Amino acid sequence: PKLPLVFAGGVMANQFIRKSLTAKYGAYFAEPAFSADNAAGIAVLTARREGLL
């Protein structure tokens, strides 16, 4: 069966990738603002876990 595919994460804000996947697969994406990289959030979570914050 065909399942939906979610394109998410910071790299999905890249216009070249978005255009390529849309042209090839008819993909849909959220606005780039909603595809931001979560590295800052992971850094804060790790710092809190390690007692640095």
N, C-alpha and C. Protein backbone atom coordinates (compact mmCIF):
# COMPACT_ATOMS: atom_id res chain seq x y z
N PRO A 1 0.83 -1.21 0.00
CA PRO A 1 0.00 0.00 0.00
C PRO A 1 0.87 1.26 0.00
N LYS A 2 0.36 2.29 -0.60
CA LYS A 2 1.08 3.57 -0.60
C LYS A 2 0.84 4.27 0.73
N LEU A 3 1.91 4.69 1.34
CA LEU A 3 1.83 5.41 2.60
C LEU A 3 2.28 6.84 2.39
N PRO A 4 1.75 7.77 3.18
CA PRO A 4 2.21 9.15 3.05
C PRO A 4 3.65 9.27 3.51
N LEU A 5 4.37 10.18 2.93
CA LEU A 5 5.76 10.42 3.28
C LEU A 5 5.88 11.85 3.76
N VAL A 6 6.47 12.02 4.93
CA VAL A 6 6.64 13.34 5.51
C VAL A 6 8.07 13.80 5.28
N PHE A 7 8.23 14.94 4.65
CA PHE A 7 9.54 15.55 4.47
C PHE A 7 9.69 16.59 5.57
N ALA A 8 10.57 16.34 6.51
CA ALA A 8 10.71 17.23 7.66
C ALA A 8 12.18 17.43 8.01
N GLY A 9 12.44 18.43 8.79
CA GLY A 9 13.80 18.70 9.25
C GLY A 9 14.41 19.89 8.54
N GLY A 10 15.51 20.35 9.06
CA GLY A 10 16.15 21.55 8.55
C GLY A 10 16.50 21.50 7.08
N VAL A 11 16.94 20.36 6.61
CA VAL A 11 17.35 20.25 5.21
C VAL A 11 16.16 20.41 4.26
N MET A 12 14.96 20.17 4.74
CA MET A 12 13.78 20.30 3.89
C MET A 12 13.40 21.75 3.62
N ALA A 13 14.09 22.69 4.24
CA ALA A 13 13.88 24.10 3.93
C ALA A 13 14.68 24.50 2.69
N ASN A 14 15.56 23.63 2.23
CA ASN A 14 16.39 23.91 1.06
C ASN A 14 15.52 23.96 -0.20
N GLN A 15 15.56 25.09 -0.91
CA GLN A 15 14.70 25.28 -2.08
C GLN A 15 15.00 24.30 -3.21
N PHE A 16 16.27 23.97 -3.43
CA PHE A 16 16.61 23.02 -4.49
C PHE A 16 15.99 21.65 -4.21
N ILE A 17 16.12 21.18 -2.99
CA ILE A 17 15.56 19.88 -2.61
C ILE A 17 14.04 19.91 -2.72
N ARG A 18 13.43 20.98 -2.23
CA ARG A 18 11.97 21.10 -2.28
C ARG A 18 11.46 21.06 -3.72
N LYS A 19 12.11 21.83 -4.60
CA LYS A 19 11.68 21.88 -6.00
C LYS A 19 11.89 20.53 -6.68
N SER A 20 13.01 19.88 -6.40
CA SER A 20 13.31 18.59 -7.02
C SER A 20 12.30 17.53 -6.60
N LEU A 21 12.01 17.44 -5.31
CA LEU A 21 11.07 16.43 -4.82
C LEU A 21 9.64 16.72 -5.27
N THR A 22 9.30 18.00 -5.35
CA THR A 22 7.96 18.36 -5.83
C THR A 22 7.81 17.98 -7.29
N ALA A 23 8.83 18.26 -8.10
CA ALA A 23 8.76 17.94 -9.53
C ALA A 23 8.71 16.43 -9.76
N LYS A 24 9.49 15.68 -9.01
CA LYS A 24 9.58 14.24 -9.24
C LYS A 24 8.41 13.46 -8.63
N TYR A 25 7.97 13.88 -7.43
CA TYR A 25 6.96 13.09 -6.71
C TYR A 25 5.66 13.83 -6.44
N GLY A 26 5.57 15.10 -6.81
CA GLY A 26 4.38 15.86 -6.48
C GLY A 26 4.27 16.09 -4.98
N ALA A 27 5.41 16.24 -4.33
CA ALA A 27 5.46 16.36 -2.88
C ALA A 27 4.89 17.69 -2.41
N TYR A 28 4.41 17.68 -1.19
CA TYR A 28 3.93 18.89 -0.52
C TYR A 28 4.78 19.13 0.71
N PHE A 29 5.05 20.38 0.99
CA PHE A 29 5.89 20.76 2.12
C PHE A 29 5.20 21.83 2.94
N ALA A 30 5.53 21.86 4.22
CA ALA A 30 5.14 22.99 5.06
C ALA A 30 6.02 24.18 4.68
N GLU A 31 5.62 25.35 5.12
CA GLU A 31 6.44 26.54 4.89
C GLU A 31 7.84 26.31 5.47
N PRO A 32 8.88 26.87 4.86
CA PRO A 32 10.24 26.68 5.37
C PRO A 32 10.41 27.05 6.85
N ALA A 33 9.63 28.00 7.33
CA ALA A 33 9.72 28.38 8.75
C ALA A 33 9.38 27.21 9.66
N PHE A 34 8.60 26.26 9.16
CA PHE A 34 8.22 25.10 9.96
C PHE A 34 9.14 23.91 9.72
N SER A 35 10.19 24.10 8.94
CA SER A 35 11.16 23.04 8.68
C SER A 35 12.53 23.42 9.23
N ALA A 36 12.54 24.21 10.26
CA ALA A 36 13.80 24.68 10.83
C ALA A 36 14.56 23.53 11.49
N ASP A 37 15.86 23.71 11.57
CA ASP A 37 16.72 22.72 12.21
C ASP A 37 16.47 22.74 13.71
N ASN A 38 16.48 21.58 14.33
CA ASN A 38 16.22 21.51 15.77
C ASN A 38 17.50 21.34 16.58
N ALA A 39 18.66 21.64 15.99
CA ALA A 39 19.93 21.46 16.69
C ALA A 39 20.00 22.32 17.95
N ALA A 40 19.48 23.53 17.90
CA ALA A 40 19.51 24.40 19.09
C ALA A 40 18.70 23.79 20.22
N GLY A 41 17.55 23.24 19.91
CA GLY A 41 16.72 22.60 20.93
C GLY A 41 17.39 21.40 21.55
N ILE A 42 18.05 20.60 20.75
CA ILE A 42 18.77 19.42 21.26
C ILE A 42 19.94 19.86 22.12
N ALA A 43 20.62 20.93 21.73
CA ALA A 43 21.73 21.44 22.54
C ALA A 43 21.25 21.89 23.91
N VAL A 44 20.13 22.59 23.97
CA VAL A 44 19.58 23.03 25.25
C VAL A 44 19.14 21.83 26.08
N LEU A 45 18.47 20.88 25.47
CA LEU A 45 18.04 19.68 26.19
C LEU A 45 19.24 18.95 26.80
N THR A 46 20.29 18.78 26.02
CA THR A 46 21.49 18.10 26.51
C THR A 46 22.15 18.89 27.63
N ALA A 47 22.25 20.20 27.47
CA ALA A 47 22.85 21.03 28.51
C ALA A 47 22.06 20.94 29.81
N ARG A 48 20.75 20.92 29.71
CA ARG A 48 19.92 20.78 30.92
C ARG A 48 20.10 19.41 31.55
N ARG A 49 20.14 18.39 30.71
CA ARG A 49 20.31 17.02 31.22
C ARG A 49 21.65 16.87 31.94
N GLU A 50 22.68 17.54 31.44
CA GLU A 50 24.02 17.45 32.03
C GLU A 50 24.23 18.45 33.16
N GLY A 51 23.19 19.21 33.50
CA GLY A 51 23.28 20.16 34.60
C GLY A 51 24.03 21.43 34.27
N LEU A 52 24.19 21.73 33.01
CA LEU A 52 24.91 22.93 32.60
C LEU A 52 24.01 24.16 32.56
N LEU A 53 22.72 23.95 32.57
CA LEU A 53 21.75 25.06 32.58
C LEU A 53 20.82 24.92 33.76
